[in-house]
Amino acid sequence: MAGLVALHAQQKDDVNDILQRALSRSARLPWMSNWSTGPSEFLRRSQWPQNPLLLGRVLTPDQTGTFARAKSAILAGQNPAHIRTRSDLPQMVVLLRMAEIALGLAGDLPARNNPRQQKPPPPPVLVATPTEISGILAPEILLDRLTRAELEGWHPWTLDLEQALLRLPKRIPQSIHRLALQLQSDAGRRFADWMSRGKSWEPQQRLYGTKAPVPGTYQAESRPGGARYVELTTPDEHGLSRSLFNVPTNASALTGRDTDTTAGLHLFPDHQEVIAAWALTAPNRILDGTFAALLPRDWPRRGQRCKLASSILLAYMLGSGDALTRQVARDAICVLAASNDLNGGLLGQQCGALIADKQIVARNVYAQLAKVSQRSVDGSVRDTIMHMLPYVLGNSLAGLAEVLEAGADLVMKLGRGPGLSEVPGLQNLTLELGTGKTTAQARRLLAALETARNCTPNPAAEGCSQDDDT
């Protein structure tokens, strides 16, 4: 996309000829077969060709107006027409960005402030082009692009600028902010305002479940049950972040099997919790193995604390039926543990609750946590196992011996850890079971916890080694 825009500014006729030849062929291909129903229907009802880059070639009377209305809705935090579920929204943003580029290159975008004004020429560059393979855009590069725009008298396209802001890292040097405050254009002021907000637009999170917990399971009277998702809310008043950093509470609109939310997860590469919250709107894609390969590179981000949405996502991934998904989760836990960003207690609670409510496969989770404990002798990994156990000791024993053994080993090496006075249900388990490996490891863990009751935990934590998943 960036190359087309840059070349168009220099060799317009040649680029138009290339596009006409290439896209006339691609329009005949079933390239859109993987798009979910909302965006596909949006294209069809607008009488647009399937490939949105052909928008400037085959116009219908209201084509530009349809795009403008959809863009305005998303920037205002509303659902555009033809979106069946909120989960379609990230993918719709991708579609509208492509449409913005196509209409812009064709000269069919309305003027920014007044549709009756003469339409401006396309900008010579896209300001949102990332500078890292992970999708991150270096803030100093965006500053240079917006400074160039002011000096040369052009304006970036609206969605292009909003995408650029979402690709910025969460931590930006104050020196960049001071320079951005000197910019006079609307785009420059939006850039400066984005940095001024800092953590004020960090989305708030709240946990929801799709149904009541399984009766009789641990804390069933006080926790959500069924499939889990996270409501995100942000105070941002305008821009793409107003839509993409808000995930609503309507669970029935979040769990459609045909949803392809993952197509848009690269829109906000440094916003770890936002990525996780959108991924949770399509849990079937996490469990069936079509999700892990689509995660942005470097997820989770080193140096970002693993909070609610990321913890639930990791729990789903650990219990997935797909080996690659489990391996990605295991590697992510090691990364987070090594940087002291893993909230072991929270991850353990989410693993345990999902197992208790029959949402993920217990054996898969146990095996992965046992492997993690071999690679990362860390207090947060111990906490994950200890906080998971109360949910599973009474009803999910198959394969449990392996994780009980790992827990005992970690307690013996690191101590009990803060907030772990006991593991509810462990004593009863050792009394109720007969002989066997699960009984032996349960008793071993109980003894290790008792021995470590008055010991000072070992603060040292070993690093992670790499291995292959099977």
Protein backbone atom coordinates (compact mmCIF):
# COMPACT_ATOMS: atom_id res chain seq x y z
CA MET A 1 0.00 0.00 0.00
CA ALA A 2 2.74 2.42 0.97
CA GLY A 3 4.61 1.66 -2.23
CA LEU A 4 1.53 2.30 -4.39
CA VAL A 5 0.94 5.68 -2.76
CA ALA A 6 4.57 6.76 -3.06
CA LEU A 7 4.83 5.67 -6.69
CA HIS A 8 1.49 7.24 -7.52
CA ALA A 9 2.84 10.62 -6.42
CA GLN A 10 5.73 10.29 -8.88
CA GLN A 11 4.43 8.16 -11.78
CA LYS A 12 0.65 8.41 -11.66
CA ASP A 13 -0.14 7.17 -15.16
CA ASP A 14 2.16 4.15 -14.91
CA VAL A 15 0.74 3.13 -11.54
CA ASN A 16 -2.83 3.50 -12.79
CA ASP A 17 -2.03 1.27 -15.75
CA ILE A 18 -0.42 -1.38 -13.52
CA LEU A 19 -3.35 -1.29 -11.10
CA GLN A 20 -5.90 -1.61 -13.86
CA ARG A 21 -4.17 -4.67 -15.29
CA ALA A 22 -3.39 -6.42 -12.02
CA LEU A 23 -6.60 -5.70 -10.19
CA SER A 24 -8.81 -6.68 -13.09
CA ARG A 25 -7.35 -10.16 -12.65
CA SER A 26 -7.50 -10.22 -8.85
CA ALA A 27 -11.17 -9.23 -8.96
CA ARG A 28 -11.91 -12.62 -10.51
CA LEU A 29 -10.15 -14.51 -7.70
CA PRO A 30 -11.96 -15.70 -4.52
CA TRP A 31 -9.62 -13.60 -2.38
CA MET A 32 -12.44 -12.51 -0.10
CA SER A 33 -13.58 -16.03 0.82
CA ASN A 34 -12.07 -15.76 4.32
CA TRP A 35 -13.75 -12.45 5.15
CA SER A 36 -16.57 -12.65 7.67
CA THR A 37 -20.14 -11.94 6.65
CA GLY A 38 -20.34 -8.34 7.86
CA PRO A 39 -17.57 -6.77 5.73
CA SER A 40 -18.43 -8.99 2.75
CA GLU A 41 -22.05 -7.90 2.85
CA PHE A 42 -20.88 -4.29 3.24
CA LEU A 43 -19.08 -4.57 -0.08
CA ARG A 44 -21.88 -6.34 -1.89
CA ARG A 45 -24.68 -4.02 -0.80
CA SER A 46 -22.58 -1.02 -1.71
CA GLN A 47 -22.22 -2.52 -5.20
CA TRP A 48 -18.47 -2.31 -4.80
CA PRO A 49 -16.26 -4.80 -6.57
CA GLN A 50 -14.94 -7.49 -4.25
CA ASN A 51 -11.47 -6.00 -4.28
CA PRO A 52 -11.80 -2.59 -2.59
CA LEU A 53 -8.76 -1.30 -4.50
CA LEU A 54 -11.02 -1.25 -7.53
CA LEU A 55 -13.27 1.34 -5.92
CA GLY A 56 -11.84 4.11 -8.03
CA ARG A 57 -12.43 2.14 -11.25
CA VAL A 58 -16.07 1.07 -10.94
CA LEU A 59 -17.97 3.79 -9.12
CA THR A 60 -21.65 3.70 -8.24
CA PRO A 61 -23.63 6.88 -7.45
CA ASP A 62 -23.42 6.51 -3.65
CA GLN A 63 -20.13 4.66 -3.37
CA THR A 64 -18.17 7.53 -1.89
CA GLY A 65 -21.05 8.43 0.41
CA THR A 66 -21.28 4.86 1.72
CA PHE A 67 -17.58 4.92 2.56
CA ALA A 68 -17.87 8.33 4.23
CA ARG A 69 -20.78 7.22 6.41
CA ALA A 70 -18.99 4.04 7.50
CA LYS A 71 -15.82 5.99 8.30
CA SER A 72 -17.73 8.60 10.31
CA ALA A 73 -19.51 5.88 12.29
CA ILE A 74 -16.26 4.13 13.27
CA LEU A 75 -14.55 7.39 14.23
CA ALA A 76 -17.57 8.23 16.42
CA GLY A 77 -17.44 4.87 18.21
CA GLN A 78 -20.49 3.46 16.43
CA ASN A 79 -21.03 0.32 14.39
CA PRO A 80 -21.09 0.96 10.62
CA ALA A 81 -23.88 -0.52 8.54
CA HIS A 82 -23.70 -4.22 7.65
CA ILE A 83 -21.64 -5.25 10.70
CA ARG A 84 -23.45 -8.26 12.16
CA THR A 85 -21.40 -8.47 15.36
CA ARG A 86 -19.00 -6.14 17.10
CA SER A 87 -16.29 -8.72 16.48
CA ASP A 88 -16.26 -7.70 12.80
CA LEU A 89 -15.06 -4.21 13.66
CA PRO A 90 -11.25 -4.65 13.47
CA GLN A 91 -11.61 -6.32 10.09
CA MET A 92 -13.91 -3.55 8.90
CA VAL A 93 -11.23 -1.00 9.79
CA VAL A 94 -8.79 -2.88 7.54
CA LEU A 95 -11.35 -2.80 4.73
CA LEU A 96 -12.04 0.91 5.12
CA ARG A 97 -8.34 1.74 5.12
CA MET A 98 -8.01 -0.06 1.80
CA ALA A 99 -11.05 1.80 0.51
CA GLU A 100 -9.62 5.13 1.67
CA ILE A 101 -6.43 4.47 -0.26
CA ALA A 102 -8.29 3.33 -3.37
CA LEU A 103 -10.67 6.30 -3.39
CA GLY A 104 -7.82 8.67 -2.55
CA LEU A 105 -5.63 7.49 -5.42
CA ALA A 106 -8.60 7.78 -7.76
CA GLY A 107 -9.30 11.33 -6.60
CA ASP A 108 -12.75 10.41 -5.25
CA LEU A 109 -12.29 11.20 -1.56
CA PRO A 110 -14.31 14.23 -0.40
CA ALA A 111 -12.38 17.23 0.93
CA ARG A 112 -11.60 16.89 4.65
CA ASN A 113 -13.76 19.70 5.98
CA ASN A 114 -16.19 20.47 3.16
CA PRO A 115 -17.30 17.84 0.61
CA ARG A 116 -18.08 20.62 -1.89
CA GLN A 117 -14.53 21.91 -1.94
CA GLN A 118 -12.11 20.87 -4.62
CA LYS A 119 -10.77 17.40 -3.86
CA PRO A 120 -7.13 17.47 -2.73
CA PRO A 121 -4.45 15.41 -4.47
CA PRO A 122 -3.33 12.19 -2.74
CA PRO A 123 -0.55 12.57 -0.15
CA PRO A 124 2.88 11.45 -1.33
CA VAL A 125 3.30 8.91 1.53
CA LEU A 126 1.25 6.93 4.02
CA VAL A 127 2.06 8.17 7.51
CA ALA A 128 1.03 4.86 9.15
CA THR A 129 3.63 2.65 7.47
CA PRO A 130 5.33 0.76 10.35
CA THR A 131 9.05 0.91 11.01
CA GLU A 132 9.33 -2.50 12.71
CA ILE A 133 8.28 -5.93 11.51
CA SER A 134 6.11 -6.18 14.63
CA GLY A 135 3.95 -3.35 13.25
CA ILE A 136 5.27 -0.67 15.60
CA LEU A 137 5.75 2.83 14.17
CA ALA A 138 8.66 4.77 15.67
CA PRO A 139 7.34 8.09 17.05
CA GLU A 140 10.27 10.08 15.68
CA ILE A 141 9.44 8.81 12.18
CA LEU A 142 5.80 9.85 12.50
CA LEU A 143 6.98 13.26 13.73
CA ASP A 144 9.18 13.58 10.63
CA ARG A 145 6.30 12.62 8.32
CA LEU A 146 3.87 15.09 9.88
CA THR A 147 6.51 17.82 9.86
CA ARG A 148 7.07 17.16 6.17
CA ALA A 149 3.31 17.35 5.57
CA GLU A 150 3.18 20.82 7.14
CA LEU A 151 6.16 22.07 5.17
CA GLU A 152 4.84 20.71 1.85
CA GLY A 153 1.22 21.65 2.49
CA TRP A 154 -0.50 18.26 2.31
CA HIS A 155 -2.66 16.40 4.81
CA PRO A 156 -2.61 12.68 5.62
CA TRP A 157 -5.80 10.74 5.06
CA THR A 158 -7.95 10.47 8.18
CA LEU A 159 -7.84 6.72 8.75
CA ASP A 160 -4.17 6.64 7.81
CA LEU A 161 -3.37 9.11 10.60
CA GLU A 162 -5.53 7.24 13.11
CA GLN A 163 -3.82 3.98 12.22
CA ALA A 164 -0.44 5.66 12.69
CA LEU A 165 -1.39 6.65 16.25
CA LEU A 166 -2.46 3.10 17.09
CA ARG A 167 0.92 1.80 15.88
CA LEU A 168 2.91 4.06 18.20
CA PRO A 169 4.60 2.45 21.22
CA LYS A 170 2.92 3.13 24.54
CA ARG A 171 6.08 4.75 25.91
CA ILE A 172 7.16 7.81 23.92
CA PRO A 173 10.06 10.10 24.92
CA GLN A 174 9.11 13.54 26.22
CA SER A 175 11.43 15.11 23.65
CA ILE A 176 9.15 13.84 20.85
CA HIS A 177 6.11 15.24 22.62
CA ARG A 178 7.70 18.68 22.99
CA LEU A 179 8.51 18.79 19.28
CA ALA A 180 5.00 17.63 18.34
CA LEU A 181 3.48 20.48 20.36
CA GLN A 182 5.12 22.89 17.92
CA LEU A 183 3.17 21.48 14.94
CA GLN A 184 0.29 23.66 13.71
CA SER A 185 -1.68 21.32 11.44
CA ASP A 186 -4.74 19.34 12.52
CA ALA A 187 -2.73 16.14 12.14
CA GLY A 188 0.13 17.54 14.22
CA ARG A 189 -2.23 18.60 16.98
CA ARG A 190 -3.90 15.18 17.00
CA PHE A 191 -0.45 13.57 17.36
CA ALA A 192 0.45 15.87 20.26
CA ASP A 193 -2.93 15.31 21.91
CA TRP A 194 -2.48 11.54 21.68
CA MET A 195 0.81 11.75 23.55
CA SER A 196 -0.62 14.21 26.09
CA ARG A 197 -3.21 11.66 27.14
CA GLY A 198 -0.55 9.15 28.14
CA LYS A 199 -2.14 6.44 30.27
CA SER A 200 -5.44 8.29 30.54
CA TRP A 201 -6.78 6.39 27.51
CA GLU A 202 -5.55 2.99 28.72
CA PRO A 203 -8.76 0.92 28.54
CA GLN A 204 -10.45 -0.19 31.73
CA GLN A 205 -11.18 -3.92 31.92
CA ARG A 206 -14.05 -5.90 33.40
CA LEU A 207 -14.57 -9.66 33.32
CA TYR A 208 -17.81 -11.25 32.06
CA GLY A 209 -18.99 -14.80 31.46
CA THR A 210 -21.60 -16.17 29.09
CA LYS A 211 -23.43 -18.25 31.70
CA ALA A 212 -23.41 -19.35 35.34
CA PRO A 213 -20.48 -21.45 36.63
CA VAL A 214 -20.84 -25.21 37.01
CA PRO A 215 -22.57 -25.74 40.38
CA GLY A 216 -20.36 -27.01 43.17
CA THR A 217 -17.09 -25.81 41.65
CA TYR A 218 -14.69 -23.55 43.50
CA GLN A 219 -16.09 -20.03 44.10
CA ALA A 220 -19.07 -20.80 41.84
CA GLU A 221 -21.21 -18.41 43.84
CA SER A 222 -19.01 -15.38 43.15
CA ARG A 223 -17.41 -15.71 39.72
CA PRO A 224 -18.48 -15.60 36.06
CA GLY A 225 -18.94 -18.88 34.23
CA GLY A 226 -18.94 -20.29 30.74
CA ALA A 227 -16.84 -18.65 28.04
CA ARG A 228 -15.03 -15.55 29.27
CA TYR A 229 -14.58 -12.18 27.65
CA VAL A 230 -13.45 -8.76 28.78
CA GLU A 231 -15.31 -5.49 28.46
CA LEU A 232 -13.01 -2.64 27.48
CA THR A 233 -13.92 1.01 27.99
CA THR A 234 -11.87 4.07 27.12
CA PRO A 235 -12.47 7.79 27.71
CA ASP A 236 -11.07 8.71 24.29
CA GLU A 237 -13.70 10.90 22.62
CA HIS A 238 -12.82 10.50 18.96
CA GLY A 239 -10.70 8.56 16.52
CA LEU A 240 -10.26 4.86 15.85
CA SER A 241 -9.32 4.25 19.47
CA ARG A 242 -12.85 5.20 20.49
CA SER A 243 -14.12 2.14 18.59
CA LEU A 244 -11.21 -0.27 18.87
CA PHE A 245 -10.48 0.34 22.55
CA ASN A 246 -14.12 -0.34 23.47
CA VAL A 247 -15.40 -3.91 23.61
CA PRO A 248 -19.02 -4.01 24.82
CA THR A 249 -20.75 -6.32 27.28
CA ASN A 250 -23.13 -7.95 24.82
CA ALA A 251 -21.83 -11.50 24.96
CA SER A 252 -24.28 -12.84 22.37
CA ALA A 253 -22.72 -10.54 19.78
CA LEU A 254 -19.17 -11.61 20.60
CA THR A 255 -19.05 -15.35 20.16
CA GLY A 256 -20.12 -15.99 16.56
CA ARG A 257 -18.31 -18.97 15.09
CA ASP A 258 -17.87 -17.29 11.70
CA THR A 259 -16.23 -14.18 13.14
CA ASP A 260 -12.70 -13.38 11.96
CA THR A 261 -11.61 -10.76 14.48
CA THR A 262 -8.02 -11.94 14.21
CA ALA A 263 -7.67 -10.34 10.78
CA GLY A 264 -7.37 -6.94 12.47
CA LEU A 265 -5.20 -7.69 15.52
CA HIS A 266 -2.17 -6.02 13.93
CA LEU A 267 -3.94 -2.64 14.06
CA PHE A 268 -2.63 -1.89 17.58
CA PRO A 269 0.61 -3.90 17.99
CA ASP A 270 1.82 -2.39 21.30
CA HIS A 271 -1.54 -2.58 23.07
CA GLN A 272 -1.26 -6.04 24.56
CA GLU A 273 -4.52 -6.04 26.51
CA VAL A 274 -6.54 -4.64 23.59
CA ILE A 275 -5.23 -7.41 21.34
CA ALA A 276 -6.21 -10.00 23.92
CA ALA A 277 -9.68 -8.55 24.51
CA TRP A 278 -10.53 -8.60 20.79
CA ALA A 279 -9.15 -12.13 20.45
CA LEU A 280 -11.51 -13.25 23.22
CA THR A 281 -14.51 -12.19 21.13
CA ALA A 282 -13.82 -15.24 18.94
CA PRO A 283 -12.83 -18.00 21.42
CA ASN A 284 -13.50 -20.82 18.95
CA ARG A 285 -10.64 -19.56 16.80
CA ILE A 286 -8.28 -19.75 19.78
CA LEU A 287 -9.28 -23.31 20.56
CA ASP A 288 -9.32 -24.69 17.00
CA GLY A 289 -5.80 -23.55 16.13
CA THR A 290 -6.53 -20.85 13.55
CA PHE A 291 -5.52 -18.02 15.86
CA ALA A 292 -1.94 -18.30 17.13
CA ALA A 293 -0.25 -17.75 13.77
CA LEU A 294 -2.14 -14.46 13.38
CA LEU A 295 -0.95 -12.90 16.64
CA PRO A 296 1.24 -9.83 16.09
CA ARG A 297 4.94 -10.47 16.41
CA ASP A 298 6.41 -9.89 19.87
CA TRP A 299 3.13 -10.66 21.64
CA PRO A 300 3.15 -10.40 24.57
CA ARG A 301 5.24 -7.25 24.69
CA ARG A 302 8.23 -7.47 27.00
CA GLY A 303 7.91 -4.91 29.79
CA GLN A 304 4.08 -4.84 29.83
CA ARG A 305 2.34 -6.37 32.84
CA CYS A 306 0.01 -9.25 31.97
CA LYS A 307 -3.43 -8.11 33.08
CA LEU A 308 -6.93 -9.58 32.89
CA ALA A 309 -7.50 -9.96 29.13
CA SER A 310 -4.02 -11.34 28.44
CA SER A 311 -4.33 -13.80 31.34
CA ILE A 312 -7.63 -15.18 30.02
CA LEU A 313 -6.24 -15.41 26.49
CA LEU A 314 -3.20 -17.35 27.73
CA ALA A 315 -5.50 -19.72 29.66
CA TYR A 316 -7.50 -20.45 26.51
CA MET A 317 -4.31 -20.97 24.52
CA LEU A 318 -2.88 -23.40 27.10
CA GLY A 319 -6.05 -25.47 26.79
CA SER A 320 -6.24 -25.34 23.01
CA GLY A 321 -6.37 -28.51 20.95
CA ASP A 322 -3.69 -27.08 18.64
CA ALA A 323 -0.01 -27.78 19.39
CA LEU A 324 1.25 -24.49 17.90
CA THR A 325 -1.20 -22.47 20.01
CA ARG A 326 -0.05 -24.25 23.16
CA GLN A 327 3.60 -23.66 22.28
CA VAL A 328 2.99 -19.94 21.68
CA ALA A 329 1.29 -19.72 25.08
CA ARG A 330 4.11 -21.55 26.79
CA ASP A 331 6.74 -19.30 25.24
CA ALA A 332 4.70 -16.22 26.16
CA ILE A 333 4.53 -17.30 29.81
CA CYS A 334 8.30 -17.74 29.86
CA VAL A 335 8.81 -14.25 28.38
CA LEU A 336 6.45 -12.70 30.91
CA ALA A 337 7.99 -14.58 33.84
CA ALA A 338 11.52 -13.59 32.84
CA SER A 339 10.57 -9.89 32.73
CA ASN A 340 8.54 -10.10 35.96
CA ASP A 341 5.35 -9.27 34.05
CA LEU A 342 3.40 -12.49 34.64
CA ASN A 343 0.57 -12.26 37.15
CA GLY A 344 0.67 -15.90 38.16
CA GLY A 345 -2.24 -15.73 40.56
CA LEU A 346 -4.53 -14.21 37.94
CA LEU A 347 -3.47 -16.66 35.22
CA GLY A 348 -3.97 -19.60 37.57
CA GLN A 349 -7.46 -18.45 38.51
CA GLN A 350 -8.48 -18.13 34.85
CA CYS A 351 -7.02 -21.53 33.94
CA GLY A 352 -8.79 -23.15 36.86
CA ALA A 353 -12.15 -21.50 36.24
CA LEU A 354 -12.15 -22.37 32.52
CA ILE A 355 -11.29 -25.99 33.35
CA ALA A 356 -13.97 -26.17 36.04
CA ASP A 357 -16.58 -24.86 33.60
CA LYS A 358 -15.53 -27.32 30.85
CA GLN A 359 -14.36 -24.59 28.48
CA ILE A 360 -10.81 -25.91 27.93
CA VAL A 361 -9.11 -29.31 28.13
CA ALA A 362 -7.57 -29.83 31.57
CA ARG A 363 -4.90 -32.29 30.40
CA ASN A 364 -3.54 -29.78 27.90
CA VAL A 365 -3.19 -27.09 30.56
CA TYR A 366 -1.53 -29.43 33.06
CA ALA A 367 1.02 -30.65 30.53
CA GLN A 368 1.95 -27.13 29.42
CA LEU A 369 2.37 -25.78 32.94
CA ALA A 370 4.56 -28.75 33.82
CA LYS A 371 6.76 -27.96 30.82
CA VAL A 372 6.89 -24.26 31.73
CA SER A 373 8.02 -25.15 35.26
CA GLN A 374 10.99 -27.02 33.79
CA ARG A 375 12.04 -24.03 31.72
CA SER A 376 11.32 -21.23 34.18
CA VAL A 377 11.89 -21.74 37.91
CA ASP A 378 9.97 -18.62 38.84
CA GLY A 379 7.59 -17.57 41.58
CA SER A 380 4.91 -16.46 39.13
CA VAL A 381 4.84 -19.93 37.54
CA ARG A 382 4.49 -21.47 41.00
CA ASP A 383 1.66 -19.04 41.75
CA THR A 384 -0.10 -20.03 38.50
CA ILE A 385 -0.17 -23.68 39.53
CA MET A 386 -1.14 -23.00 43.14
CA HIS A 387 -4.04 -20.69 42.25
CA MET A 388 -5.35 -23.09 39.59
CA LEU A 389 -5.48 -26.14 41.86
CA PRO A 390 -8.50 -25.25 44.04
CA TYR A 391 -10.71 -25.16 40.93
CA VAL A 392 -9.65 -28.58 39.61
CA LEU A 393 -8.85 -30.81 42.59
CA GLY A 394 -12.39 -32.09 42.93
CA ASN A 395 -13.31 -32.77 39.32
CA SER A 396 -10.43 -32.73 36.81
CA LEU A 397 -7.88 -35.27 38.05
CA ALA A 398 -6.82 -36.89 34.77
CA GLY A 399 -3.23 -35.84 34.12
CA LEU A 400 -3.08 -33.84 37.35
CA ALA A 401 -0.12 -35.72 38.82
CA GLU A 402 2.31 -34.02 36.45
CA VAL A 403 1.33 -30.50 37.50
CA LEU A 404 1.18 -31.48 41.20
CA GLU A 405 4.75 -32.69 40.87
CA ALA A 406 5.79 -29.43 39.20
CA GLY A 407 4.09 -27.44 41.95
CA ALA A 408 5.84 -29.40 44.67
CA ASP A 409 9.23 -28.90 42.99
CA LEU A 410 8.71 -25.14 42.74
CA VAL A 411 7.55 -24.81 46.34
CA MET A 412 10.58 -26.77 47.52
CA LYS A 413 12.89 -24.45 45.54
CA LEU A 414 11.15 -21.10 46.03
CA GLY A 415 8.99 -21.40 49.13
CA ARG A 416 5.24 -20.91 49.44
CA GLY A 417 5.02 -17.42 48.05
CA PRO A 418 2.88 -14.52 49.25
CA GLY A 419 -0.85 -15.08 49.77
CA LEU A 420 -0.60 -18.88 49.65
CA SER A 421 -1.48 -19.95 53.18
CA GLU A 422 -3.11 -23.14 51.86
CA VAL A 423 -4.50 -24.79 48.74
CA PRO A 424 -8.24 -25.41 49.33
CA GLY A 425 -9.12 -29.04 48.68
CA LEU A 426 -5.58 -30.41 48.70
CA GLN A 427 -5.84 -31.96 52.18
CA ASN A 428 -9.11 -33.68 51.31
CA LEU A 429 -7.63 -35.00 48.09
CA THR A 430 -4.80 -36.74 49.95
CA LEU A 431 -7.33 -38.35 52.30
CA GLU A 432 -9.86 -39.43 49.68
CA LEU A 433 -7.57 -40.96 47.09
CA GLY A 434 -6.01 -44.35 47.43
CA THR A 435 -2.56 -45.14 46.09
CA GLY A 436 -1.16 -43.97 42.79
CA LYS A 437 0.90 -41.19 41.26
CA THR A 438 -1.70 -38.45 41.76
CA THR A 439 -2.02 -39.31 45.47
CA ALA A 440 1.73 -39.45 45.93
CA GLN A 441 2.30 -36.07 44.29
CA ALA A 442 -0.60 -34.47 46.18
CA ARG A 443 0.92 -35.62 49.46
CA ARG A 444 4.34 -34.47 48.34
CA LEU A 445 2.99 -30.98 47.54
CA LEU A 446 1.16 -30.82 50.86
CA ALA A 447 4.37 -31.74 52.68
CA ALA A 448 6.37 -29.18 50.69
CA LEU A 449 3.88 -26.44 51.58
CA GLU A 450 3.99 -27.39 55.24
CA THR A 451 7.79 -27.50 55.29
CA ALA A 452 8.01 -24.10 53.57
CA ARG A 453 5.45 -22.45 55.87
CA ASN A 454 8.06 -20.53 57.84
CA CYS A 455 10.80 -20.41 55.22
CA THR A 456 11.93 -17.28 53.38
CA PRO A 457 11.21 -17.68 49.64
CA ASN A 458 14.21 -17.79 47.33
CA PRO A 459 14.11 -14.54 45.30
CA ALA A 460 16.26 -16.00 42.53
CA ALA A 461 14.51 -17.05 39.34
CA GLU A 462 16.16 -18.93 36.51
CA GLY A 463 15.68 -17.97 32.87
CA CYS A 464 13.79 -19.82 30.18
CA SER A 465 15.18 -22.29 27.73
CA GLN A 466 13.60 -23.08 24.37
CA ASP A 467 12.04 -26.42 23.38
CA ASP A 468 9.70 -27.79 20.76
CA ASP A 469 6.05 -28.62 21.27
CA THR A 470 4.54 -31.96 20.40
